């Protein structure tokens, strides 16, 4: 499995084809700009392989490396962040409770 960022989404490639994606939008490409993650999908024929989790980790690590904050409107991404405390700091402190995270 490999990952890539393309315009407005991250993709996971499996068996030479796009097997899933995570849609995002950002108001700005500047550091600290919020990255709105609003939909994650893996094609049914690729289900059960852990692709969605790998895609979530890739996208969140990318956001962290770029200095972006994350607004996890996608329920899968939100759940992933809740389960992986190392990504809690990506969600702006003042908005964490909105996404089921401990506030600061």
PDB file of N, CA and C in Angstrom:
ATOM      1  N   UNK A   1       0.846  -1.167   0.000  1.00  0.00           N
ATOM      2  CA  UNK A   1       0.000   0.000   0.000  1.00  0.00           C
ATOM      3  C   UNK A   1       0.889   1.227   0.000  1.00  0.00           C
ATOM      4  N   UNK A   2       0.513   2.184  -0.842  1.00  0.00           N
ATOM      5  CA  UNK A   2       1.223   3.459  -0.891  1.00  0.00           C
ATOM      6  C   UNK A   2       0.195   4.573  -0.776  1.00  0.00           C
ATOM      7  N   UNK A   3       0.688   5.746  -0.414  1.00  0.00           N
ATOM      8  CA  UNK A   3      -0.182   6.898  -0.208  1.00  0.00           C
ATOM      9  C   UNK A   3       0.325   8.070  -1.023  1.00  0.00           C
ATOM     10  N   UNK A   4      -0.605   8.967  -1.346  1.00  0.00           N
ATOM     11  CA  UNK A   4      -0.215  10.203  -2.024  1.00  0.00           C
ATOM     12  C   UNK A   4      -1.250  11.277  -1.728  1.00  0.00           C
ATOM     13  N   UNK A   5      -0.791  12.514  -1.834  1.00  0.00           N
ATOM     14  CA  UNK A   5      -1.678  13.667  -1.711  1.00  0.00           C
ATOM     15  C   UNK A   5      -1.889  14.206  -3.111  1.00  0.00           C
ATOM     16  N   UNK A   6      -3.135  14.394  -3.475  1.00  0.00           N
ATOM     17  CA  UNK A   6      -3.497  15.026  -4.738  1.00  0.00           C
ATOM     18  C   UNK A   6      -4.423  16.190  -4.399  1.00  0.00           C
ATOM     19  N   UNK A   7      -4.859  16.924  -5.363  1.00  0.00           N
ATOM     20  CA  UNK A   7      -5.707  18.092  -5.123  1.00  0.00           C
ATOM     21  C   UNK A   7      -6.950  17.736  -4.313  1.00  0.00           C
ATOM     22  N   UNK A   8      -7.022  18.219  -3.096  1.00  0.00           N
ATOM     23  CA  UNK A   8      -8.217  18.065  -2.273  1.00  0.00           C
ATOM     24  C   UNK A   8      -8.433  16.714  -1.623  1.00  0.00           C
ATOM     25  N   UNK A   9      -7.446  15.821  -1.748  1.00  0.00           N
ATOM     26  CA  UNK A   9      -7.614  14.540  -1.067  1.00  0.00           C
ATOM     27  C   UNK A   9      -6.291  13.791  -0.954  1.00  0.00           C
ATOM     28  N   UNK A  10      -6.307  12.833  -0.043  1.00  0.00           N
ATOM     29  CA  UNK A  10      -5.224  11.872   0.090  1.00  0.00           C
ATOM     30  C   UNK A  10      -5.755  10.556  -0.456  1.00  0.00           C
ATOM     31  N   UNK A  11      -4.882   9.796  -1.103  1.00  0.00           N
ATOM     32  CA  UNK A  11      -5.312   8.524  -1.679  1.00  0.00           C
ATOM     33  C   UNK A  11      -4.420   7.401  -1.185  1.00  0.00           C
ATOM     34  N   UNK A  12      -4.998   6.218  -1.100  1.00  0.00           N
ATOM     35  CA  UNK A  12      -4.245   5.002  -0.833  1.00  0.00           C
ATOM     36  C   UNK A  12      -4.309   4.155  -2.100  1.00  0.00           C
ATOM     37  N   UNK A  13      -3.142   3.679  -2.514  1.00  0.00           N
ATOM     38  CA  UNK A  13      -3.020   2.877  -3.725  1.00  0.00           C
ATOM     39  C   UNK A  13      -2.720   1.437  -3.317  1.00  0.00           C
ATOM     40  N   UNK A  14      -3.504   0.533  -3.838  1.00  0.00           N
ATOM     41  CA  UNK A  14      -3.334  -0.895  -3.547  1.00  0.00           C
ATOM     42  C   UNK A  14      -3.536  -1.640  -4.865  1.00  0.00           C
ATOM     43  N   UNK A  15      -2.660  -2.579  -5.128  1.00  0.00           N
ATOM     44  CA  UNK A  15      -2.752  -3.367  -6.363  1.00  0.00           C
ATOM     45  C   UNK A  15      -2.809  -2.472  -7.604  1.00  0.00           C
ATOM     46  N   UNK A  16      -2.078  -1.362  -7.549  1.00  0.00           N
ATOM     47  CA  UNK A  16      -1.971  -0.470  -8.701  1.00  0.00           C
ATOM     48  C   UNK A  16      -3.148   0.437  -8.963  1.00  0.00           C
ATOM     49  N   UNK A  17      -4.111   0.481  -8.058  1.00  0.00           N
ATOM     50  CA  UNK A  17      -5.256   1.370  -8.283  1.00  0.00           C
ATOM     51  C   UNK A  17      -5.636   2.112  -7.005  1.00  0.00           C
ATOM     52  N   UNK A  18      -6.379   3.188  -7.174  1.00  0.00           N
ATOM     53  CA  UNK A  18      -6.868   3.948  -6.021  1.00  0.00           C
ATOM     54  C   UNK A  18      -7.889   3.077  -5.306  1.00  0.00           C
ATOM     55  N   UNK A  19      -7.580   2.741  -4.053  1.00  0.00           N
ATOM     56  CA  UNK A  19      -8.437   1.864  -3.264  1.00  0.00           C
ATOM     57  C   UNK A  19      -9.258   2.634  -2.241  1.00  0.00           C
ATOM     58  N   UNK A  20      -8.841   3.873  -1.949  1.00  0.00           N
ATOM     59  CA  UNK A  20      -9.567   4.679  -0.985  1.00  0.00           C
ATOM     60  C   UNK A  20      -9.034   6.096  -0.980  1.00  0.00           C
ATOM     61  N   UNK A  21      -9.767   6.975  -0.297  1.00  0.00           N
ATOM     62  CA  UNK A  21      -9.379   8.381  -0.258  1.00  0.00           C
ATOM     63  C   UNK A  21      -9.947   9.063   0.974  1.00  0.00           C
ATOM     64  N   UNK A  22      -9.336  10.177   1.291  1.00  0.00           N
ATOM     65  CA  UNK A  22      -9.764  11.043   2.384  1.00  0.00           C
ATOM     66  C   UNK A  22      -9.873  12.447   1.793  1.00  0.00           C
ATOM     67  N   UNK A  23     -11.071  12.982   1.752  1.00  0.00           N
ATOM     68  CA  UNK A  23     -11.295  14.322   1.208  1.00  0.00           C
ATOM     69  C   UNK A  23     -10.985  15.369   2.267  1.00  0.00           C
ATOM     70  N   UNK A  24     -10.350  16.464   1.828  1.00  0.00           N
ATOM     71  CA  UNK A  24     -10.077  17.562   2.742  1.00  0.00           C
ATOM     72  C   UNK A  24     -10.172  18.880   1.992  1.00  0.00           C
ATOM     73  N   UNK A  25     -10.301  19.923   2.771  1.00  0.00           N
ATOM     74  CA  UNK A  25     -10.281  21.285   2.230  1.00  0.00           C
ATOM     75  C   UNK A  25      -9.497  22.136   3.202  1.00  0.00           C
ATOM     76  N   UNK A  26      -8.864  23.152   2.698  1.00  0.00           N
ATOM     77  CA  UNK A  26      -8.136  24.085   3.546  1.00  0.00           C
ATOM     78  C   UNK A  26      -8.364  25.483   3.017  1.00  0.00           C
ATOM     79  N   UNK A  27      -8.569  26.400   3.935  1.00  0.00           N
ATOM     80  CA  UNK A  27      -8.770  27.784   3.527  1.00  0.00           C
ATOM     81  C   UNK A  27      -7.481  28.419   3.049  1.00  0.00           C
ATOM     82  N   UNK A  28      -6.345  27.856   3.461  1.00  0.00           N
ATOM     83  CA  UNK A  28      -5.054  28.425   3.123  1.00  0.00           C
ATOM     84  C   UNK A  28      -4.004  27.335   3.185  1.00  0.00           C
ATOM     85  N   UNK A  29      -2.949  27.463   2.421  1.00  0.00           N
ATOM     86  CA  UNK A  29      -1.856  26.498   2.466  1.00  0.00           C
ATOM     87  C   UNK A  29      -0.791  26.930   3.479  1.00  0.00           C
ATOM     88  N   UNK A  30      -1.056  27.996   4.222  1.00  0.00           N
ATOM     89  CA  UNK A  30      -0.089  28.494   5.183  1.00  0.00           C
ATOM     90  C   UNK A  30      -0.070  27.627   6.438  1.00  0.00           C
ATOM     91  N   UNK A  31       1.074  27.608   7.117  1.00  0.00           N
ATOM     92  CA  UNK A  31       1.208  26.858   8.366  1.00  0.00           C
ATOM     93  C   UNK A  31       0.147  27.314   9.353  1.00  0.00           C
ATOM     94  N   UNK A  32      -0.441  26.362  10.041  1.00  0.00           N
ATOM     95  CA  UNK A  32      -1.464  26.675  11.033  1.00  0.00           C
ATOM     96  C   UNK A  32      -2.869  26.764  10.478  1.00  0.00           C
ATOM     97  N   UNK A  33      -2.998  26.760   9.164  1.00  0.00           N
ATOM     98  CA  UNK A  33      -4.327  26.839   8.558  1.00  0.00           C
ATOM     99  C   UNK A  33      -5.097  25.559   8.863  1.00  0.00           C
ATOM    100  N   UNK A  34      -6.395  25.682   9.128  1.00  0.00           N
ATOM    101  CA  UNK A  34      -7.151  24.451   9.412  1.00  0.00           C
ATOM    102  C   UNK A  34      -7.367  23.608   8.154  1.00  0.00           C
ATOM    103  N   UNK A  35      -7.144  22.324   8.300  1.00  0.00           N
ATOM    104  CA  UNK A  35      -7.416  21.349   7.248  1.00  0.00           C
ATOM    105  C   UNK A  35      -8.716  20.659   7.659  1.00  0.00           C
ATOM    106  N   UNK A  36      -9.768  20.891   6.903  1.00  0.00           N
ATOM    107  CA  UNK A  36     -11.064  20.287   7.190  1.00  0.00           C
ATOM    108  C   UNK A  36     -11.099  18.913   6.538  1.00  0.00           C
ATOM    109  N   UNK A  37     -11.136  17.872   7.363  1.00  0.00           N
ATOM    110  CA  UNK A  37     -11.219  16.502   6.853  1.00  0.00           C
ATOM    111  C   UNK A  37     -12.670  16.071   6.985  1.00  0.00           C
ATOM    112  N   UNK A  38     -13.324  15.842   5.826  1.00  0.00           N
ATOM    113  CA  UNK A  38     -14.768  15.636   5.888  1.00  0.00           C
ATOM    114  C   UNK A  38     -15.297  14.315   5.333  1.00  0.00           C
ATOM    115  N   UNK A  39     -14.441  13.476   4.761  1.00  0.00           N
ATOM    116  CA  UNK A  39     -14.953  12.203   4.243  1.00  0.00           C
ATOM    117  C   UNK A  39     -13.796  11.247   3.993  1.00  0.00           C
ATOM    118  N   UNK A  40     -13.961  10.011   4.443  1.00  0.00           N
ATOM    119  CA  UNK A  40     -12.996   8.940   4.177  1.00  0.00           C
ATOM    120  C   UNK A  40     -13.765   7.759   3.597  1.00  0.00           C
ATOM    121  N   UNK A  41     -13.199   7.167   2.555  1.00  0.00           N
ATOM    122  CA  UNK A  41     -13.869   6.024   1.927  1.00  0.00           C
ATOM    123  C   UNK A  41     -12.839   5.039   1.399  1.00  0.00           C
ATOM    124  N   UNK A  42     -13.108   3.762   1.590  1.00  0.00           N
ATOM    125  CA  UNK A  42     -12.319   2.682   0.999  1.00  0.00           C
ATOM    126  C   UNK A  42     -13.289   1.840   0.187  1.00  0.00           C
ATOM    127  N   UNK A  43     -12.918   1.532  -1.037  1.00  0.00           N
ATOM    128  CA  UNK A  43     -13.780   0.725  -1.892  1.00  0.00           C
ATOM    129  C   UNK A  43     -14.023  -0.641  -1.245  1.00  0.00           C
ATOM    130  N   UNK A  44     -15.240  -1.166  -1.358  1.00  0.00           N
ATOM    131  CA  UNK A  44     -15.598  -2.418  -0.678  1.00  0.00           C
ATOM    132  C   UNK A  44     -14.647  -3.580  -0.960  1.00  0.00           C
ATOM    133  N   UNK A  45     -14.171  -3.681  -2.173  1.00  0.00           N
ATOM    134  CA  UNK A  45     -13.295  -4.812  -2.514  1.00  0.00           C
ATOM    135  C   UNK A  45     -11.932  -4.736  -1.819  1.00  0.00           C
ATOM    136  N   UNK A  46     -11.621  -3.596  -1.196  1.00  0.00           N
ATOM    137  CA  UNK A  46     -10.363  -3.441  -0.471  1.00  0.00           C
ATOM    138  C   UNK A  46     -10.576  -3.366   1.035  1.00  0.00           C
ATOM    139  N   UNK A  47     -11.791  -3.594   1.475  1.00  0.00           N
ATOM    140  CA  UNK A  47     -12.112  -3.522   2.896  1.00  0.00           C
ATOM    141  C   UNK A  47     -11.400  -4.588   3.709  1.00  0.00           C
ATOM    142  N   UNK A  48     -11.240  -4.310   4.991  1.00  0.00           N
ATOM    143  CA  UNK A  48     -10.659  -5.274   5.913  1.00  0.00           C
ATOM    144  C   UNK A  48      -9.153  -5.408   5.851  1.00  0.00           C
ATOM    145  N   UNK A  49      -8.489  -4.503   5.159  1.00  0.00           N
ATOM    146  CA  UNK A  49      -7.027  -4.577   5.016  1.00  0.00           C
ATOM    147  C   UNK A  49      -6.303  -3.502   5.831  1.00  0.00           C
ATOM    148  N   UNK A  50      -7.051  -2.698   6.570  1.00  0.00           N
ATOM    149  CA  UNK A  50      -6.431  -1.627   7.349  1.00  0.00           C
ATOM    150  C   UNK A  50      -6.070  -0.397   6.543  1.00  0.00           C
ATOM    151  N   UNK A  51      -6.628  -0.286   5.341  1.00  0.00           N
ATOM    152  CA  UNK A  51      -6.280   0.841   4.480  1.00  0.00           C
ATOM    153  C   UNK A  51      -6.762   2.179   5.042  1.00  0.00           C
ATOM    154  N   UNK A  52      -7.957   2.197   5.616  1.00  0.00           N
ATOM    155  CA  UNK A  52      -8.490   3.454   6.149  1.00  0.00           C
ATOM    156  C   UNK A  52      -7.628   3.966   7.295  1.00  0.00           C
ATOM    157  N   UNK A  53      -7.203   3.071   8.177  1.00  0.00           N
ATOM    158  CA  UNK A  53      -6.334   3.477   9.280  1.00  0.00           C
ATOM    159  C   UNK A  53      -4.990   3.982   8.787  1.00  0.00           C
ATOM    160  N   UNK A  54      -4.423   3.298   7.812  1.00  0.00           N
ATOM    161  CA  UNK A  54      -3.158   3.753   7.234  1.00  0.00           C
ATOM    162  C   UNK A  54      -3.305   5.102   6.573  1.00  0.00           C
ATOM    163  N   UNK A  55      -4.404   5.301   5.882  1.00  0.00           N
ATOM    164  CA  UNK A  55      -4.685   6.570   5.219  1.00  0.00           C
ATOM    165  C   UNK A  55      -4.849   7.688   6.245  1.00  0.00           C
ATOM    166  N   UNK A  56      -5.562   7.403   7.324  1.00  0.00           N
ATOM    167  CA  UNK A  56      -5.739   8.405   8.380  1.00  0.00           C
ATOM    168  C   UNK A  56      -4.391   8.812   8.956  1.00  0.00           C
ATOM    169  N   UNK A  57      -3.564   7.847   9.291  1.00  0.00           N
ATOM    170  CA  UNK A  57      -2.242   8.150   9.857  1.00  0.00           C
ATOM    171  C   UNK A  57      -1.415   8.976   8.878  1.00  0.00           C
ATOM    172  N   UNK A  58      -1.398   8.580   7.613  1.00  0.00           N
ATOM    173  CA  UNK A  58      -0.635   9.316   6.600  1.00  0.00           C
ATOM    174  C   UNK A  58      -1.098  10.775   6.522  1.00  0.00           C
ATOM    175  N   UNK A  59      -2.404  10.980   6.451  1.00  0.00           N
ATOM    176  CA  UNK A  59      -2.943  12.341   6.318  1.00  0.00           C
ATOM    177  C   UNK A  59      -2.639  13.181   7.557  1.00  0.00           C
ATOM    178  N   UNK A  60      -2.784  12.590   8.729  1.00  0.00           N
ATOM    179  CA  UNK A  60      -2.531  13.334   9.964  1.00  0.00           C
ATOM    180  C   UNK A  60      -1.046  13.641  10.133  1.00  0.00           C
ATOM    181  N   UNK A  61      -0.189  12.721   9.762  1.00  0.00           N
ATOM    182  CA  UNK A  61       1.249  12.999   9.813  1.00  0.00           C
ATOM    183  C   UNK A  61       1.630  14.075   8.801  1.00  0.00           C
ATOM    184  N   UNK A  62       0.996  14.056   7.648  1.00  0.00           N
ATOM    185  CA  UNK A  62       1.231  15.088   6.638  1.00  0.00           C
ATOM    186  C   UNK A  62       0.830  16.454   7.192  1.00  0.00           C
ATOM    187  N   UNK A  63      -0.362  16.528   7.786  1.00  0.00           N
ATOM    188  CA  UNK A  63      -0.838  17.791   8.363  1.00  0.00           C
ATOM    189  C   UNK A  63       0.130  18.290   9.432  1.00  0.00           C
ATOM    190  N   UNK A  64       0.582  17.392  10.288  1.00  0.00           N
ATOM    191  CA  UNK A  64       1.522  17.784  11.347  1.00  0.00           C
ATOM    192  C   UNK A  64       2.821  18.316  10.744  1.00  0.00           C
ATOM    193  N   UNK A  65       3.356  17.634   9.745  1.00  0.00           N
ATOM    194  CA  UNK A  65       4.611  18.053   9.111  1.00  0.00           C
ATOM    195  C   UNK A  65       4.486  19.423   8.455  1.00  0.00           C
ATOM    196  N   UNK A  66       3.293  19.740   7.937  1.00  0.00           N
ATOM    197  CA  UNK A  66       3.061  21.022   7.271  1.00  0.00           C
ATOM    198  C   UNK A  66       2.669  22.131   8.250  1.00  0.00           C
ATOM    199  N   UNK A  67       2.457  21.761   9.524  1.00  0.00           N
ATOM    200  CA  UNK A  67       2.075  22.758  10.519  1.00  0.00           C
ATOM    201  C   UNK A  67       0.604  23.130  10.455  1.00  0.00           C
ATOM    202  N   UNK A  68      -0.218  22.278   9.860  1.00  0.00           N
ATOM    203  CA  UNK A  68      -1.653  22.540   9.748  1.00  0.00           C
ATOM    204  C   UNK A  68      -2.378  22.050  10.988  1.00  0.00           C
ATOM    205  N   UNK A  69      -3.479  22.674  11.303  1.00  0.00           N
ATOM    206  CA  UNK A  69      -4.388  22.144  12.303  1.00  0.00           C
ATOM    207  C   UNK A  69      -5.449  21.340  11.549  1.00  0.00           C
ATOM    208  N   UNK A  70      -6.200  20.513  12.295  1.00  0.00           N
ATOM    209  CA  UNK A  70      -7.167  19.614  11.670  1.00  0.00           C
ATOM    210  C   UNK A  70      -8.537  19.788  12.312  1.00  0.00           C
ATOM    211  N   UNK A  71      -9.554  19.863  11.476  1.00  0.00           N
ATOM    212  CA  UNK A  71     -10.945  19.857  11.929  1.00  0.00           C
ATOM    213  C   UNK A  71     -11.549  18.556  11.406  1.00  0.00           C
ATOM    214  N   UNK A  72     -11.680  17.539  12.280  1.00  0.00           N
ATOM    215  CA  UNK A  72     -12.101  16.199  11.844  1.00  0.00           C
ATOM    216  C   UNK A  72     -13.622  16.036  11.785  1.00  0.00           C
ATOM    217  N   UNK A  73     -14.246  16.586  10.754  1.00  0.00           N
ATOM    218  CA  UNK A  73     -15.690  16.430  10.582  1.00  0.00           C
ATOM    219  C   UNK A  73     -16.052  15.014  10.134  1.00  0.00           C
ATOM    220  N   UNK A  74     -15.117  14.312   9.515  1.00  0.00           N
ATOM    221  CA  UNK A  74     -15.331  12.915   9.125  1.00  0.00           C
ATOM    222  C   UNK A  74     -15.340  12.058  10.392  1.00  0.00           C
ATOM    223  N   UNK A  75     -16.375  11.261  10.571  1.00  0.00           N
ATOM    224  CA  UNK A  75     -16.494  10.451  11.787  1.00  0.00           C
ATOM    225  C   UNK A  75     -15.352   9.440  11.922  1.00  0.00           C
ATOM    226  N   UNK A  76     -14.863   8.906  10.822  1.00  0.00           N
ATOM    227  CA  UNK A  76     -13.754   7.957  10.907  1.00  0.00           C
ATOM    228  C   UNK A  76     -12.490   8.652  11.402  1.00  0.00           C
ATOM    229  N   UNK A  77     -12.170   9.795  10.825  1.00  0.00           N
ATOM    230  CA  UNK A  77     -10.968  10.538  11.231  1.00  0.00           C
ATOM    231  C   UNK A  77     -11.102  10.991  12.680  1.00  0.00           C
ATOM    232  N   UNK A  78     -12.275  11.464  13.038  1.00  0.00           N
ATOM    233  CA  UNK A  78     -12.515  11.892  14.423  1.00  0.00           C
ATOM    234  C   UNK A  78     -12.257  10.727  15.381  1.00  0.00           C
ATOM    235  N   UNK A  79     -12.803   9.560  15.078  1.00  0.00           N
ATOM    236  CA  UNK A  79     -12.580   8.385  15.911  1.00  0.00           C
ATOM    237  C   UNK A  79     -11.114   7.980  15.966  1.00  0.00           C
ATOM    238  N   UNK A  80     -10.432   8.107  14.846  1.00  0.00           N
ATOM    239  CA  UNK A  80      -9.010   7.767  14.797  1.00  0.00           C
ATOM    240  C   UNK A  80      -8.216   8.695  15.708  1.00  0.00           C
ATOM    241  N   UNK A  81      -8.519   9.984  15.641  1.00  0.00           N
ATOM    242  CA  UNK A  81      -7.815  10.946  16.493  1.00  0.00           C
ATOM    243  C   UNK A  81      -8.123  10.684  17.966  1.00  0.00           C
ATOM    244  N   UNK A  82      -9.371  10.418  18.284  1.00  0.00           N
ATOM    245  CA  UNK A  82      -9.746  10.118  19.673  1.00  0.00           C
ATOM    246  C   UNK A  82      -8.929   8.934  20.186  1.00  0.00           C
ATOM    247  N   UNK A  83      -8.735   7.912  19.353  1.00  0.00           N
ATOM    248  CA  UNK A  83      -8.020   6.696  19.747  1.00  0.00           C
ATOM    249  C   UNK A  83      -6.501   6.830  19.714  1.00  0.00           C
ATOM    250  N   UNK A  84      -5.998   7.902  19.128  1.00  0.00           N
ATOM    251  CA  UNK A  84      -4.550   8.097  18.993  1.00  0.00           C
ATOM    252  C   UNK A  84      -4.181   9.469  19.563  1.00  0.00           C
ATOM    253  N   UNK A  85      -3.941   9.526  20.858  1.00  0.00           N
ATOM    254  CA  UNK A  85      -3.689  10.812  21.537  1.00  0.00           C
ATOM    255  C   UNK A  85      -2.539  11.628  20.958  1.00  0.00           C
ATOM    256  N   UNK A  86      -1.621  10.978  20.261  1.00  0.00           N
ATOM    257  CA  UNK A  86      -0.516  11.731  19.670  1.00  0.00           C
ATOM    258  C   UNK A  86      -0.997  12.736  18.628  1.00  0.00           C
ATOM    259  N   UNK A  87      -2.235  12.552  18.141  1.00  0.00           N
ATOM    260  CA  UNK A  87      -2.778  13.481  17.151  1.00  0.00           C
ATOM    261  C   UNK A  87      -3.724  14.524  17.761  1.00  0.00           C
ATOM    262  N   UNK A  88      -4.050  14.425  19.038  1.00  0.00           N
ATOM    263  CA  UNK A  88      -4.927  15.409  19.683  1.00  0.00           C
ATOM    264  C   UNK A  88      -4.445  16.842  19.474  1.00  0.00           C
ATOM    265  N   UNK A  89      -3.130  17.113  19.584  1.00  0.00           N
ATOM    266  CA  UNK A  89      -2.675  18.492  19.410  1.00  0.00           C
ATOM    267  C   UNK A  89      -2.945  19.092  18.026  1.00  0.00           C
ATOM    268  N   UNK A  90      -3.262  18.268  17.050  1.00  0.00           N
ATOM    269  CA  UNK A  90      -3.574  18.811  15.721  1.00  0.00           C
ATOM    270  C   UNK A  90      -4.905  19.544  15.698  1.00  0.00           C
ATOM    271  N   UNK A  91      -5.807  19.179  16.590  1.00  0.00           N
ATOM    272  CA  UNK A  91      -7.114  19.842  16.661  1.00  0.00           C
ATOM    273  C   UNK A  91      -6.947  21.076  17.547  1.00  0.00           C
ATOM    274  N   UNK A  92      -7.366  22.250  17.062  1.00  0.00           N
ATOM    275  CA  UNK A  92      -7.194  23.461  17.865  1.00  0.00           C
ATOM    276  C   UNK A  92      -7.781  23.280  19.266  1.00  0.00           C
ATOM    277  N   UNK A  93      -7.027  23.693  20.283  1.00  0.00           N
ATOM    278  CA  UNK A  93      -7.411  23.488  21.681  1.00  0.00           C
ATOM    279  C   UNK A  93      -8.830  23.975  21.964  1.00  0.00           C
ATOM    280  N   UNK A  94      -9.201  25.115  21.435  1.00  0.00           N
ATOM    281  CA  UNK A  94     -10.522  25.676  21.690  1.00  0.00           C
ATOM    282  C   UNK A  94     -11.664  24.922  21.030  1.00  0.00           C
ATOM    283  N   UNK A  95     -11.342  23.963  20.185  1.00  0.00           N
ATOM    284  CA  UNK A  95     -12.386  23.226  19.455  1.00  0.00           C
ATOM    285  C   UNK A  95     -12.379  21.734  19.754  1.00  0.00           C
ATOM    286  N   UNK A  96     -11.497  21.286  20.618  1.00  0.00           N
ATOM    287  CA  UNK A  96     -11.357  19.847  20.876  1.00  0.00           C
ATOM    288  C   UNK A  96     -12.624  19.219  21.422  1.00  0.00           C
ATOM    289  N   UNK A  97     -13.303  19.870  22.354  1.00  0.00           N
ATOM    290  CA  UNK A  97     -14.504  19.264  22.928  1.00  0.00           C
ATOM    291  C   UNK A  97     -15.586  19.090  21.872  1.00  0.00           C
ATOM    292  N   UNK A  98     -15.603  19.948  20.881  1.00  0.00           N
ATOM    293  CA  UNK A  98     -16.554  19.833  19.759  1.00  0.00           C
ATOM    294  C   UNK A  98     -16.394  18.493  19.038  1.00  0.00           C
ATOM    295  N   UNK A  99     -15.188  17.940  19.070  1.00  0.00           N
ATOM    296  CA  UNK A  99     -14.897  16.693  18.360  1.00  0.00           C
ATOM    297  C   UNK A  99     -14.688  15.517  19.312  1.00  0.00           C
ATOM    298  N   UNK A 100     -15.112  15.652  20.556  1.00  0.00           N
ATOM    299  CA  UNK A 100     -15.037  14.559  21.510  1.00  0.00           C
ATOM    300  C   UNK A 100     -13.664  14.329  22.108  1.00  0.00           C
ATOM    301  N   UNK A 101     -12.836  15.356  22.067  1.00  0.00           N
ATOM    302  CA  UNK A 101     -11.485  15.266  22.637  1.00  0.00           C
ATOM    303  C   UNK A 101     -11.430  16.062  23.930  1.00  0.00           C
ATOM    304  N   UNK A 102     -10.499  15.703  24.816  1.00  0.00           N
ATOM    305  CA  UNK A 102     -10.346  16.505  26.032  1.00  0.00           C
ATOM    306  C   UNK A 102      -9.942  17.934  25.677  1.00  0.00           C
ATOM    307  N   UNK A 103     -10.606  18.903  26.265  1.00  0.00           N
ATOM    308  CA  UNK A 103     -10.266  20.311  26.029  1.00  0.00           C
ATOM    309  C   UNK A 103      -9.034  20.716  26.837  1.00  0.00           C
ATOM    310  N   UNK A 104      -8.489  21.853  26.504  1.00  0.00           N
ATOM    311  CA  UNK A 104      -7.344  22.364  27.263  1.00  0.00           C
ATOM    312  C   UNK A 104      -7.642  23.747  27.756  1.00  0.00           C
TER     313      UNK A 104
END
